[in-house]
Amino acid sequence: QVQLVESGGGLVQAGGSLRLSCTASGNIFSNDPMGWYCQAPGKQRKLVARISSGGSTNYADSVKGRFTISRDNAKNTVYLQMNSLKPEDTAVYYCTIKARGWIDYWGQGTRVTVSS
């Protein structure tokens, strides 16, 4: 079994910053691929950013240059630094891990609200 615990969401004004954290535990490798997805009300869940076992990263076009994903393998933790936040970034953000390289698990989500 795998557990993901997210933190760092909240309410912020447009232009502000937040840092999300997600710590994984259980049957994982320390360098398993991890990522962040978001889901706004009435919309489908979509990729925000992901980081591979080797540290390479991918971002949604809408967040490039504003968000940065990083990881600390020693802590089994992935971070999402979100800068220059916009109201359209408002969503529930979910952490995901591809445990042992092949099974996907999801966190419970953390809410981010950006006011204009």
C-alpha atoms as a PDB file:
ATOM      1  CA  GLN A   1       0.000   0.000   0.000  1.00  0.00           C
ATOM      2  CA  VAL A   2       1.066   3.577  -0.702  1.00  0.00           C
ATOM      3  CA  GLN A   3       0.063   6.784   1.055  1.00  0.00           C
ATOM      4  CA  LEU A   4       0.423  10.332  -0.230  1.00  0.00           C
ATOM      5  CA  VAL A   5       0.020  13.276   2.124  1.00  0.00           C
ATOM      6  CA  GLU A   6      -0.312  16.718   0.549  1.00  0.00           C
ATOM      7  CA  SER A   7      -0.040  20.101   2.204  1.00  0.00           C
ATOM      8  CA  GLY A   8       0.431  23.752   1.365  1.00  0.00           C
ATOM      9  CA  GLY A   9      -2.816  24.741  -0.273  1.00  0.00           C
ATOM     10  CA  GLY A  10      -4.791  27.787   0.743  1.00  0.00           C
ATOM     11  CA  LEU A  11      -6.135  31.164  -0.245  1.00  0.00           C
ATOM     12  CA  VAL A  12      -3.839  33.664  -1.928  1.00  0.00           C
ATOM     13  CA  GLN A  13      -4.260  36.867  -3.913  1.00  0.00           C
ATOM     14  CA  ALA A  14      -3.469  36.987  -7.598  1.00  0.00           C
ATOM     15  CA  GLY A  15       0.243  37.441  -8.113  1.00  0.00           C
ATOM     16  CA  GLY A  16       1.072  35.612  -4.919  1.00  0.00           C
ATOM     17  CA  SER A  17       2.873  32.346  -4.308  1.00  0.00           C
ATOM     18  CA  LEU A  18       2.253  29.003  -2.669  1.00  0.00           C
ATOM     19  CA  ARG A  19       4.353  25.880  -2.248  1.00  0.00           C
ATOM     20  CA  LEU A  20       2.665  22.506  -2.235  1.00  0.00           C
ATOM     21  CA  SER A  21       4.323  19.465  -0.694  1.00  0.00           C
ATOM     22  CA  CYS A  22       3.525  15.790  -1.053  1.00  0.00           C
ATOM     23  CA  THR A  23       5.190  13.053   0.946  1.00  0.00           C
ATOM     24  CA  ALA A  24       4.893   9.438  -0.113  1.00  0.00           C
ATOM     25  CA  SER A  25       5.231   6.367   2.072  1.00  0.00           C
ATOM     26  CA  GLY A  26       4.737   2.655   1.731  1.00  0.00           C
ATOM     27  CA  ASN A  27       5.742   0.301  -1.066  1.00  0.00           C
ATOM     28  CA  ILE A  28       7.674   2.769  -3.237  1.00  0.00           C
ATOM     29  CA  PHE A  29      11.083   3.467  -4.619  1.00  0.00           C
ATOM     30  CA  SER A  30      12.554   6.792  -3.542  1.00  0.00           C
ATOM     31  CA  ASN A  31      12.889   7.921  -7.153  1.00  0.00           C
ATOM     32  CA  ASP A  32       9.471   6.828  -8.455  1.00  0.00           C
ATOM     33  CA  PRO A  33       7.992   9.298 -10.959  1.00  0.00           C
ATOM     34  CA  MET A  34       5.714  11.819  -9.293  1.00  0.00           C
ATOM     35  CA  GLY A  35       3.506  14.647 -10.422  1.00  0.00           C
ATOM     36  CA  TRP A  36       0.813  17.169  -9.737  1.00  0.00           C
ATOM     37  CA  TYR A  37      -2.599  17.386 -11.372  1.00  0.00           C
ATOM     38  CA  CYS A  38      -5.371  19.886 -10.789  1.00  0.00           C
ATOM     39  CA  GLN A  39      -9.128  19.816 -11.118  1.00  0.00           C
ATOM     40  CA  ALA A  40     -11.236  22.952 -11.237  1.00  0.00           C
ATOM     41  CA  PRO A  41     -14.972  22.823 -10.518  1.00  0.00           C
ATOM     42  CA  GLY A  42     -16.858  21.271 -13.409  1.00  0.00           C
ATOM     43  CA  LYS A  43     -13.689  20.442 -15.311  1.00  0.00           C
ATOM     44  CA  GLN A  44     -11.571  17.367 -15.897  1.00  0.00           C
ATOM     45  CA  ARG A  45      -8.432  16.664 -13.934  1.00  0.00           C
ATOM     46  CA  LYS A  46      -5.384  17.755 -15.899  1.00  0.00           C
ATOM     47  CA  LEU A  47      -1.630  17.559 -15.633  1.00  0.00           C
ATOM     48  CA  VAL A  48       0.178  20.482 -14.040  1.00  0.00           C
ATOM     49  CA  ALA A  49       3.725  19.140 -13.796  1.00  0.00           C
ATOM     50  CA  ARG A  50       5.589  15.883 -13.409  1.00  0.00           C
ATOM     51  CA  ILE A  51       9.084  14.782 -12.566  1.00  0.00           C
ATOM     52  CA  SER A  52      10.679  11.553 -13.665  1.00  0.00           C
ATOM     53  CA  SER A  53      12.849   9.165 -11.711  1.00  0.00           C
ATOM     54  CA  GLY A  54      15.858  10.848 -13.307  1.00  0.00           C
ATOM     55  CA  GLY A  55      14.688  14.343 -12.447  1.00  0.00           C
ATOM     56  CA  SER A  56      13.481  15.509 -15.841  1.00  0.00           C
ATOM     57  CA  THR A  57      10.371  17.652 -15.737  1.00  0.00           C
ATOM     58  CA  ASN A  58       7.313  18.422 -17.847  1.00  0.00           C
ATOM     59  CA  TYR A  59       4.849  21.269 -17.409  1.00  0.00           C
ATOM     60  CA  ALA A  60       1.472  22.241 -18.744  1.00  0.00           C
ATOM     61  CA  ASP A  61       1.811  25.202 -21.075  1.00  0.00           C
ATOM     62  CA  SER A  62      -0.382  27.285 -18.787  1.00  0.00           C
ATOM     63  CA  VAL A  63       2.108  27.103 -15.906  1.00  0.00           C
ATOM     64  CA  LYS A  64       5.463  27.188 -17.690  1.00  0.00           C
ATOM     65  CA  GLY A  65       7.660  29.908 -16.265  1.00  0.00           C
ATOM     66  CA  ARG A  66       5.475  30.261 -13.156  1.00  0.00           C
ATOM     67  CA  PHE A  67       5.497  26.831 -11.489  1.00  0.00           C
ATOM     68  CA  THR A  68       8.455  24.647 -10.586  1.00  0.00           C
ATOM     69  CA  ILE A  69       8.317  20.995  -9.604  1.00  0.00           C
ATOM     70  CA  SER A  70      11.142  19.484  -7.591  1.00  0.00           C
ATOM     71  CA  ARG A  71      11.789  16.464  -5.429  1.00  0.00           C
ATOM     72  CA  ASP A  72      13.774  15.345  -2.407  1.00  0.00           C
ATOM     73  CA  ASN A  73      14.300  11.619  -2.790  1.00  0.00           C
ATOM     74  CA  ALA A  74      15.686  11.270   0.725  1.00  0.00           C
ATOM     75  CA  LYS A  75      12.352  12.523   2.064  1.00  0.00           C
ATOM     76  CA  ASN A  76      10.166  10.849  -0.592  1.00  0.00           C
ATOM     77  CA  THR A  77       8.706  14.301  -1.153  1.00  0.00           C
ATOM     78  CA  VAL A  78       7.752  16.270  -4.234  1.00  0.00           C
ATOM     79  CA  TYR A  79       7.171  20.012  -4.225  1.00  0.00           C
ATOM     80  CA  LEU A  80       5.295  22.404  -6.462  1.00  0.00           C
ATOM     81  CA  GLN A  81       6.399  26.016  -6.175  1.00  0.00           C
ATOM     82  CA  MET A  82       3.658  28.176  -7.634  1.00  0.00           C
ATOM     83  CA  ASN A  83       4.483  31.816  -8.371  1.00  0.00           C
ATOM     84  CA  SER A  84       2.553  34.588 -10.090  1.00  0.00           C
ATOM     85  CA  LEU A  85      -0.681  32.811  -9.316  1.00  0.00           C
ATOM     86  CA  LYS A  86      -3.756  33.649 -11.347  1.00  0.00           C
ATOM     87  CA  PRO A  87      -7.456  33.197 -10.540  1.00  0.00           C
ATOM     88  CA  GLU A  88      -7.604  30.520 -13.225  1.00  0.00           C
ATOM     89  CA  ASP A  89      -5.136  28.449 -11.177  1.00  0.00           C
ATOM     90  CA  THR A  90      -7.907  27.916  -8.622  1.00  0.00           C
ATOM     91  CA  ALA A  91      -8.447  24.172  -8.284  1.00  0.00           C
ATOM     92  CA  VAL A  92      -7.899  21.150  -6.122  1.00  0.00           C
ATOM     93  CA  TYR A  93      -4.335  19.963  -6.645  1.00  0.00           C
ATOM     94  CA  TYR A  94      -3.602  16.243  -6.475  1.00  0.00           C
ATOM     95  CA  CYS A  95      -0.259  14.555  -6.025  1.00  0.00           C
ATOM     96  CA  THR A  96       0.389  11.307  -7.839  1.00  0.00           C
ATOM     97  CA  ILE A  97       3.117   8.688  -7.798  1.00  0.00           C
ATOM     98  CA  LYS A  98       3.845   5.776 -10.116  1.00  0.00           C
ATOM     99  CA  ALA A  99       4.835   3.394  -7.331  1.00  0.00           C
ATOM    100  CA  ARG A 100       7.530   0.879  -8.157  1.00  0.00           C
ATOM    101  CA  GLY A 101       7.422   2.376 -11.595  1.00  0.00           C
ATOM    102  CA  TRP A 102       4.054   0.996 -12.624  1.00  0.00           C
ATOM    103  CA  ILE A 103       1.125   1.515 -10.176  1.00  0.00           C
ATOM    104  CA  ASP A 104      -0.518   4.930  -9.925  1.00  0.00           C
ATOM    105  CA  TYR A 105      -1.624   6.295  -6.561  1.00  0.00           C
ATOM    106  CA  TRP A 106      -3.274   9.624  -5.789  1.00  0.00           C
ATOM    107  CA  GLY A 107      -3.361  11.890  -2.789  1.00  0.00           C
ATOM    108  CA  GLN A 108      -6.529  13.302  -1.277  1.00  0.00           C
ATOM    109  CA  GLY A 109      -5.986  16.724  -2.831  1.00  0.00           C
ATOM    110  CA  THR A 110      -5.262  20.155  -1.480  1.00  0.00           C
ATOM    111  CA  ARG A 111      -7.339  23.180  -2.427  1.00  0.00           C
ATOM    112  CA  VAL A 112      -5.781  26.284  -3.941  1.00  0.00           C
ATOM    113  CA  THR A 113      -7.901  29.403  -4.267  1.00  0.00           C
ATOM    114  CA  VAL A 114      -6.567  32.500  -6.006  1.00  0.00           C
ATOM    115  CA  SER A 115      -8.578  35.663  -5.528  1.00  0.00           C
ATOM    116  CA  SER A 116      -8.557  38.500  -8.037  1.00  0.00           C
END
